[in-house]
Amino acid sequence: MFYFYIKKFTGAFSTSSLEKTLLITPFFIVLAIHICQVFYKIFINESYVIPSHFKRGIYVYIEFFSFIFNIVIIILTYKKIKLHESERSIIYKELKPETKWLKELIVIGLAICICWLIALLIIVLYDLNKSYVFYPMWIGISALVYWMGYIGLSKSQLLEERIALRKQREKNIEEKITLKKSNPNSEIFNKLNDAIESKKLYLNPELNTETLARELDLKASTISQLINQNTDYNFNEYINSFRIKDVKTMLEHPDYANYTIVTIGLEAGFNSKASFYRVFKRFEGMTPSEYLKK
């Protein structure tokens, strides 16, 4: 289910019928084994004792296969997330949800699997018939499910809000950065400036001189030199100036009044609430909330 959840959340990959079948097959195998045992006890041999799930026997060894199966799924899930991240477009025409928290879920999942393995080893080595050895795993799973539901809901809502905001913003006319002074390179800089604005390259939170150079077919050193010669900013400040102007436009426009400040900041290209607030205060001398109230 966790694997399906991540694929659904990222929206980057489809799940084939064969893949779905392979993923749910282990459940039906275990279910079939249990049904056969119950049927055998009721209709064939009433004295038959169905093996306990908490001592040596078929179910414990099935648990080992389940453990291996889950580790494989976790590895495949992590690879899917990395693939999703690598496919991010520099222009960000298509919004991509955050993946950091998904990787945190994977780490927690691995920790739960370790608790699971320890419990299985204790049962096999000491032949215990006690359910309490699984308590840490069950508690961990319960916490993971609640946390995944809570965070997943909030992240999904934020993503939906940003998609709606992106559609609304297509009507916007954006301001241009004023040049510091005229020089022989100003024409090239104007093309650089126009490309960043028209293609909305600043919306990419991971934008740097290297990725921008590849997009515009320029050298990274040339881009830095152009920015230093034509503005009072370094590269990061220059890109953030686009984002801040974008944020101010949205904060001042009534069409965006229903969106949260954090959503607006993330939509403008900032990668977190903290960096958004920090940069905004550096540029404007006040927080976004204070700016909105003035």
Protein backbone atom coordinates (compact mmCIF):
# COMPACT_ATOMS: atom_id res chain seq x y z
CA MET A 1 0.00 0.00 0.00
CA PHE A 2 2.87 2.36 0.77
CA TYR A 3 4.28 1.71 -2.71
CA PHE A 4 0.93 2.51 -4.33
CA TYR A 5 0.54 5.59 -2.14
CA ILE A 6 3.88 7.06 -3.24
CA LYS A 7 3.17 6.36 -6.90
CA LYS A 8 -0.23 7.99 -6.59
CA PHE A 9 1.12 10.99 -4.68
CA THR A 10 3.93 11.77 -7.13
CA GLY A 11 1.69 11.12 -10.11
CA ALA A 12 4.78 10.42 -12.20
CA PHE A 13 4.38 6.75 -12.96
CA SER A 14 1.51 4.43 -13.85
CA THR A 15 1.04 1.00 -12.29
CA SER A 16 0.50 -1.90 -14.69
CA SER A 17 -1.97 -4.70 -14.00
CA LEU A 18 0.92 -7.16 -13.74
CA GLU A 19 2.67 -4.97 -11.18
CA LYS A 20 -0.49 -4.68 -9.09
CA THR A 21 -0.97 -8.45 -9.25
CA LEU A 22 2.60 -9.17 -8.13
CA LEU A 23 2.31 -6.73 -5.25
CA ILE A 24 -0.90 -8.18 -3.81
CA THR A 25 -0.14 -11.85 -4.54
CA PRO A 26 1.69 -12.47 -1.20
CA PHE A 27 -1.44 -11.41 0.69
CA PHE A 28 -3.64 -13.90 -1.14
CA ILE A 29 -1.06 -16.69 -0.74
CA VAL A 30 -1.07 -16.26 3.06
CA LEU A 31 -4.88 -15.95 3.05
CA ALA A 32 -5.20 -19.17 1.05
CA ILE A 33 -2.89 -21.04 3.45
CA HIS A 34 -4.94 -19.89 6.45
CA ILE A 35 -8.27 -20.80 4.79
CA CYS A 36 -6.95 -24.26 3.92
CA GLN A 37 -5.87 -24.82 7.53
CA VAL A 38 -9.25 -23.73 8.89
CA PHE A 39 -11.05 -25.91 6.33
CA TYR A 40 -8.83 -28.89 7.22
CA LYS A 41 -9.51 -28.46 10.94
CA ILE A 42 -13.29 -28.08 10.56
CA PHE A 43 -14.04 -30.72 7.95
CA ILE A 44 -11.18 -33.24 8.04
CA ASN A 45 -9.26 -33.34 11.33
CA GLU A 46 -10.78 -31.59 14.33
CA SER A 47 -7.71 -32.37 16.45
CA TYR A 48 -5.46 -30.41 14.10
CA VAL A 49 -3.89 -27.40 15.83
CA ILE A 50 -3.47 -24.35 13.64
CA PRO A 51 0.11 -23.07 14.11
CA SER A 52 0.62 -19.92 16.13
CA HIS A 53 1.86 -16.77 14.43
CA PHE A 54 4.21 -16.20 17.38
CA LYS A 55 6.26 -19.38 17.51
CA ARG A 56 8.30 -21.54 15.16
CA GLY A 57 6.21 -22.76 12.28
CA ILE A 58 4.96 -21.98 8.81
CA TYR A 59 3.74 -18.49 9.62
CA VAL A 60 7.02 -17.34 11.10
CA TYR A 61 8.93 -18.54 8.04
CA ILE A 62 6.40 -16.84 5.80
CA GLU A 63 7.13 -13.70 7.81
CA PHE A 64 10.78 -13.96 6.76
CA PHE A 65 9.73 -13.99 3.12
CA SER A 66 7.41 -11.06 3.84
CA PHE A 67 10.31 -9.17 5.40
CA ILE A 68 12.46 -9.69 2.28
CA PHE A 69 9.51 -8.73 0.07
CA ASN A 70 9.03 -5.46 1.96
CA ILE A 71 12.73 -4.59 1.77
CA VAL A 72 12.58 -5.07 -2.01
CA ILE A 73 9.50 -2.83 -2.19
CA ILE A 74 11.24 -0.13 -0.14
CA ILE A 75 14.25 -0.22 -2.47
CA LEU A 76 12.02 -0.01 -5.55
CA THR A 77 10.06 2.84 -3.99
CA TYR A 78 13.24 4.80 -3.27
CA LYS A 79 14.37 4.29 -6.88
CA LYS A 80 11.00 5.56 -8.10
CA ILE A 81 11.36 8.71 -6.00
CA LYS A 82 14.89 9.35 -7.29
CA LEU A 83 13.67 8.85 -10.86
CA HIS A 84 10.84 11.28 -10.21
CA GLU A 85 13.32 13.87 -8.90
CA SER A 86 15.65 13.45 -11.87
CA GLU A 87 12.80 14.10 -14.31
CA ARG A 88 12.04 17.52 -12.90
CA SER A 89 11.97 20.12 -15.64
CA ILE A 90 14.01 23.26 -15.14
CA ILE A 91 11.03 25.27 -16.37
CA TYR A 92 8.63 23.53 -13.97
CA LYS A 93 5.69 23.66 -16.36
CA GLU A 94 4.34 20.70 -14.44
CA LEU A 95 4.24 21.02 -10.67
CA LYS A 96 5.99 18.24 -8.75
CA PRO A 97 5.19 17.50 -5.10
CA GLU A 98 7.87 17.47 -2.46
CA THR A 99 9.70 14.18 -2.05
CA LYS A 100 11.79 14.83 1.05
CA TRP A 101 9.05 13.70 3.42
CA LEU A 102 8.49 10.55 1.33
CA LYS A 103 12.13 9.61 1.81
CA GLU A 104 11.71 10.23 5.53
CA LEU A 105 8.82 7.75 5.47
CA ILE A 106 11.11 5.21 3.82
CA VAL A 107 13.69 5.64 6.59
CA ILE A 108 10.98 5.07 9.21
CA GLY A 109 9.78 2.06 7.23
CA LEU A 110 13.29 0.59 7.30
CA ALA A 111 13.44 1.11 11.07
CA ILE A 112 10.15 -0.77 11.45
CA CYS A 113 11.50 -3.59 9.28
CA ILE A 114 14.51 -3.87 11.59
CA CYS A 115 12.15 -4.23 14.58
CA TRP A 116 10.28 -6.86 12.59
CA LEU A 117 13.45 -8.83 11.82
CA ILE A 118 14.57 -8.70 15.46
CA ALA A 119 11.19 -10.06 16.59
CA LEU A 120 11.38 -12.92 14.08
CA LEU A 121 14.91 -13.83 15.11
CA ILE A 122 13.91 -13.90 18.79
CA ILE A 123 11.01 -16.25 18.01
CA VAL A 124 13.14 -18.60 15.89
CA LEU A 125 16.15 -18.65 18.22
CA TYR A 126 14.24 -18.94 21.51
CA ASP A 127 11.03 -20.63 20.27
CA LEU A 128 8.84 -18.08 22.08
CA ASN A 129 5.08 -18.02 21.73
CA LYS A 130 4.68 -14.43 22.87
CA SER A 131 3.07 -11.63 20.88
CA TYR A 132 4.80 -8.84 22.81
CA VAL A 133 8.00 -9.24 20.78
CA PHE A 134 6.05 -7.68 17.90
CA TYR A 135 4.80 -4.69 19.95
CA PRO A 136 7.56 -2.29 18.79
CA MET A 137 6.76 -3.12 15.15
CA TRP A 138 3.00 -2.74 15.60
CA ILE A 139 3.39 0.55 17.43
CA GLY A 140 5.74 1.78 14.72
CA ILE A 141 3.31 0.78 11.96
CA SER A 142 0.42 2.53 13.74
CA ALA A 143 2.44 5.72 14.15
CA LEU A 144 3.60 5.55 10.52
CA VAL A 145 0.05 5.15 9.19
CA TYR A 146 -1.27 8.09 11.23
CA TRP A 147 1.71 10.29 10.31
CA MET A 148 1.49 9.34 6.63
CA GLY A 149 -2.22 10.16 6.60
CA TYR A 150 -1.77 13.52 8.33
CA ILE A 151 1.28 14.70 6.36
CA GLY A 152 0.04 13.20 3.11
CA LEU A 153 -3.27 15.05 3.38
CA SER A 154 -1.61 18.39 4.10
CA LYS A 155 0.95 17.93 1.30
CA SER A 156 -1.74 16.90 -1.17
CA GLN A 157 -3.87 19.91 -0.27
CA LEU A 158 -0.87 22.21 -0.66
CA LEU A 159 -0.08 20.70 -4.05
CA GLU A 160 -3.67 21.12 -5.24
CA GLU A 161 -3.65 24.72 -4.05
CA ARG A 162 -0.42 25.40 -5.93
CA ILE A 163 -1.82 23.86 -9.12
CA ALA A 164 -4.87 26.13 -8.88
CA LEU A 165 -2.62 29.09 -8.17
CA ARG A 166 -0.42 28.26 -11.17
CA LYS A 167 -3.45 28.33 -13.47
CA GLN A 168 -4.54 31.68 -12.07
CA ARG A 169 -1.08 33.15 -12.53
CA GLU A 170 -1.09 32.56 -16.27
CA LYS A 171 -3.00 35.83 -16.54
CA ASN A 172 -0.29 37.83 -14.79
CA ILE A 173 1.96 40.38 -16.41
CA GLU A 174 5.27 40.43 -14.55
CA GLU A 175 7.61 43.33 -13.92
CA LYS A 176 11.14 43.47 -15.27
CA ILE A 177 14.29 44.10 -13.26
CA THR A 178 15.77 47.54 -13.87
CA LEU A 179 19.37 47.48 -15.07
CA LYS A 180 21.97 49.02 -12.84
CA LYS A 181 23.81 50.65 -15.75
CA SER A 182 24.39 50.40 -19.47
CA ASN A 183 27.44 48.54 -20.78
CA PRO A 184 28.49 46.50 -23.85
CA ASN A 185 27.08 43.32 -22.31
CA SER A 186 23.67 44.80 -21.51
CA GLU A 187 22.08 43.36 -24.67
CA ILE A 188 23.13 39.82 -23.71
CA PHE A 189 21.99 40.46 -20.17
CA ASN A 190 18.62 41.66 -21.45
CA LYS A 191 18.22 38.35 -23.29
CA LEU A 192 19.19 36.50 -20.11
CA ASN A 193 16.74 38.57 -18.08
CA ASP A 194 13.93 38.10 -20.59
CA ALA A 195 14.52 34.34 -20.79
CA ILE A 196 14.31 33.94 -17.02
CA GLU A 197 11.08 35.93 -16.96
CA SER A 198 9.36 34.53 -20.03
CA LYS A 199 10.24 30.92 -19.27
CA LYS A 200 9.74 31.43 -15.53
CA LEU A 201 13.03 29.68 -14.83
CA TYR A 202 13.11 31.16 -11.33
CA LEU A 203 10.21 28.88 -10.37
CA ASN A 204 12.70 26.02 -10.11
CA PRO A 205 13.82 25.88 -6.44
CA GLU A 206 16.99 24.05 -7.49
CA LEU A 207 18.05 26.59 -10.13
CA ASN A 208 21.78 27.37 -10.17
CA THR A 209 24.31 28.79 -12.62
CA GLU A 210 25.04 25.36 -14.11
CA THR A 211 21.42 24.44 -14.85
CA LEU A 212 20.70 27.95 -16.12
CA ALA A 213 23.79 27.81 -18.36
CA ARG A 214 22.58 24.54 -19.91
CA GLU A 215 19.12 25.98 -20.48
CA LEU A 216 20.40 29.18 -22.14
CA ASP A 217 23.46 27.69 -23.86
CA LEU A 218 25.85 30.00 -22.01
CA LYS A 219 28.81 29.45 -19.74
CA ALA A 220 28.11 29.53 -16.01
CA SER A 221 30.93 32.03 -15.53
CA THR A 222 29.40 34.28 -18.22
CA ILE A 223 26.06 34.29 -16.42
CA SER A 224 27.67 35.27 -13.11
CA GLN A 225 29.68 37.99 -14.85
CA LEU A 226 26.62 39.42 -16.60
CA ILE A 227 24.67 39.55 -13.35
CA ASN A 228 27.53 41.21 -11.45
CA GLN A 229 28.05 43.81 -14.20
CA ASN A 230 24.40 44.71 -14.68
CA THR A 231 22.86 44.44 -11.22
CA ASP A 232 23.77 44.93 -7.59
CA TYR A 233 23.10 41.24 -6.90
CA ASN A 234 24.98 37.97 -6.86
CA PHE A 235 23.33 35.03 -8.65
CA ASN A 236 21.14 33.87 -5.75
CA GLU A 237 20.00 37.40 -4.95
CA TYR A 238 19.26 38.04 -8.61
CA ILE A 239 17.05 34.95 -8.92
CA ASN A 240 15.40 35.69 -5.58
CA SER A 241 14.58 39.21 -6.78
CA PHE A 242 12.34 37.64 -9.45
CA ARG A 243 10.70 35.48 -6.82
CA ILE A 244 10.12 38.36 -4.42
CA LYS A 245 8.58 40.50 -7.17
CA ASP A 246 6.38 37.55 -8.07
CA VAL A 247 5.33 37.09 -4.44
CA LYS A 248 4.52 40.79 -4.03
CA THR A 249 2.43 40.75 -7.19
CA MET A 250 0.39 37.82 -5.90
CA LEU A 251 0.05 39.25 -2.38
CA GLU A 252 -1.28 42.53 -3.79
CA HIS A 253 -3.63 40.96 -6.33
CA PRO A 254 -7.20 40.16 -5.17
CA ASP A 255 -7.30 37.02 -7.33
CA TYR A 256 -4.81 35.39 -4.94
CA ALA A 257 -6.42 36.46 -1.68
CA ASN A 258 -7.70 32.95 -0.97
CA TYR A 259 -4.24 31.36 -1.08
CA THR A 260 -1.96 31.05 1.94
CA ILE A 261 1.27 33.03 2.12
CA VAL A 262 3.32 29.82 2.24
CA THR A 263 1.63 28.49 -0.91
CA ILE A 264 2.43 31.74 -2.71
CA GLY A 265 6.06 31.59 -1.59
CA LEU A 266 6.51 27.99 -2.74
CA GLU A 267 4.78 28.77 -6.02
CA ALA A 268 7.24 31.61 -6.63
CA GLY A 269 10.18 29.20 -6.45
CA PHE A 270 11.28 29.12 -2.82
CA ASN A 271 12.04 25.62 -1.53
CA SER A 272 10.77 26.11 2.02
CA LYS A 273 8.80 28.43 4.26
CA ALA A 274 11.95 29.32 6.23
CA SER A 275 13.99 30.40 3.19
CA PHE A 276 11.01 32.30 1.78
CA TYR A 277 10.50 34.32 4.97
CA ARG A 278 14.23 34.93 5.38
CA VAL A 279 14.75 36.22 1.83
CA PHE A 280 11.56 38.27 1.84
CA LYS A 281 12.59 40.06 5.03
CA ARG A 282 16.07 40.71 3.59
CA PHE A 283 14.57 42.33 0.49
CA GLU A 284 11.60 44.14 2.03
CA GLY A 285 12.65 44.67 5.65
CA MET A 286 9.53 42.91 6.93
CA THR A 287 7.90 39.49 6.90
CA PRO A 288 5.33 38.54 4.22
CA SER A 289 2.58 38.72 6.85
CA GLU A 290 3.61 42.24 7.82
CA TYR A 291 3.80 43.25 4.16
CA LEU A 292 0.29 41.92 3.57
CA LYS A 293 -1.11 43.93 6.49
CA LYS A 294 0.47 47.27 5.64
